[in-house]
Protein backbone atom coordinates (compact mmCIF):
# COMPACT_ATOMS: atom_id res chain seq x y z
CA UNK A 1 0.00 0.00 0.00
CA UNK A 2 0.99 3.62 -0.46
CA UNK A 3 -0.28 7.01 0.62
CA UNK A 4 0.13 10.15 -1.48
CA UNK A 5 -0.55 13.56 0.01
CA UNK A 6 -0.62 16.73 -2.06
CA UNK A 7 0.16 19.74 0.09
CA UNK A 8 0.35 23.31 -1.05
CA UNK A 9 1.65 26.19 0.97
CA UNK A 10 -0.97 28.86 1.52
CA UNK A 11 -0.56 32.19 -0.22
CA UNK A 12 1.79 34.47 1.66
CA UNK A 13 1.29 38.20 1.43
CA UNK A 14 4.72 39.79 1.28
CA UNK A 15 3.71 43.37 1.96
CA UNK A 16 0.71 45.66 2.24
CA UNK A 17 0.86 49.42 2.00
CA UNK A 18 -1.29 52.50 1.70
CA UNK A 19 0.19 54.94 -0.81
CA UNK A 20 -1.25 57.58 -3.11
CA UNK A 21 -4.83 56.79 -1.98
CA UNK A 22 -4.41 53.11 -2.88
CA UNK A 23 -4.21 50.00 -0.75
CA UNK A 24 -1.56 47.73 -2.29
CA UNK A 25 -1.11 44.01 -1.71
CA UNK A 26 2.17 42.38 -2.79
CA UNK A 27 2.51 38.60 -3.14
CA UNK A 28 4.32 35.95 -5.17
CA UNK A 29 2.13 34.29 -7.81
CA UNK A 30 2.73 30.71 -8.89
CA UNK A 31 2.66 29.58 -12.51
CA UNK A 32 -0.45 27.60 -13.39
CA UNK A 33 -2.66 29.33 -10.80
CA UNK A 34 -5.37 31.93 -11.12
CA UNK A 35 -6.11 34.35 -8.26
CA UNK A 36 -9.14 36.24 -6.99
CA UNK A 37 -8.49 39.05 -4.52
CA UNK A 38 -11.49 40.09 -2.41
CA UNK A 39 -12.23 42.55 0.38
CA UNK A 40 -14.98 43.41 2.84
CA UNK A 41 -15.50 46.16 5.38
CA UNK A 42 -15.34 43.97 8.49
CA UNK A 43 -13.31 40.84 9.05
CA UNK A 44 -16.08 39.12 11.03
CA UNK A 45 -19.03 39.77 8.75
CA UNK A 46 -20.26 41.27 5.54
CA UNK A 47 -20.21 40.46 1.88
CA UNK A 48 -16.93 39.84 0.08
CA UNK A 49 -16.36 41.99 -3.01
CA UNK A 50 -13.86 41.04 -5.70
CA UNK A 51 -11.10 43.58 -6.25
CA UNK A 52 -9.65 41.68 -9.19
CA UNK A 53 -9.47 38.30 -10.88
CA UNK A 54 -6.01 37.46 -12.12
CA UNK A 55 -5.87 34.95 -14.98
CA UNK A 56 -3.78 31.79 -14.76
CA UNK A 57 -0.18 32.89 -14.36
CA UNK A 58 2.36 31.70 -16.91
CA UNK A 59 5.42 32.22 -14.67
CA UNK A 60 6.24 32.50 -10.97
CA UNK A 61 6.73 36.08 -9.91
CA UNK A 62 5.66 39.12 -7.94
CA UNK A 63 2.16 40.56 -8.23
CA UNK A 64 0.84 43.86 -6.88
CA UNK A 65 -2.92 44.35 -6.57
CA UNK A 66 -4.21 47.91 -6.21
CA UNK A 67 -7.46 48.88 -4.46
CA UNK A 68 -8.56 52.51 -4.13
CA UNK A 69 -8.70 53.66 -0.52
CA UNK A 70 -12.29 53.67 0.74
CA UNK A 71 -13.70 54.88 4.03
CA UNK A 72 -15.67 52.43 6.12
């Protein structure tokens, strides 16, 4: 008998910043994966809203997602 386990590291956000009225999220994308970045006003509750949908990446590399600063 054998056991195979596929394990993937969760996405790691490298940096977040607020600059020029934009919230910026920096992370490393992996080739062969698509990404959806979402936000909501409160961590505990509320509806998630998509900021962007990134298509399947062709190479590994850095990604920066921009979201205009909004007041809650």
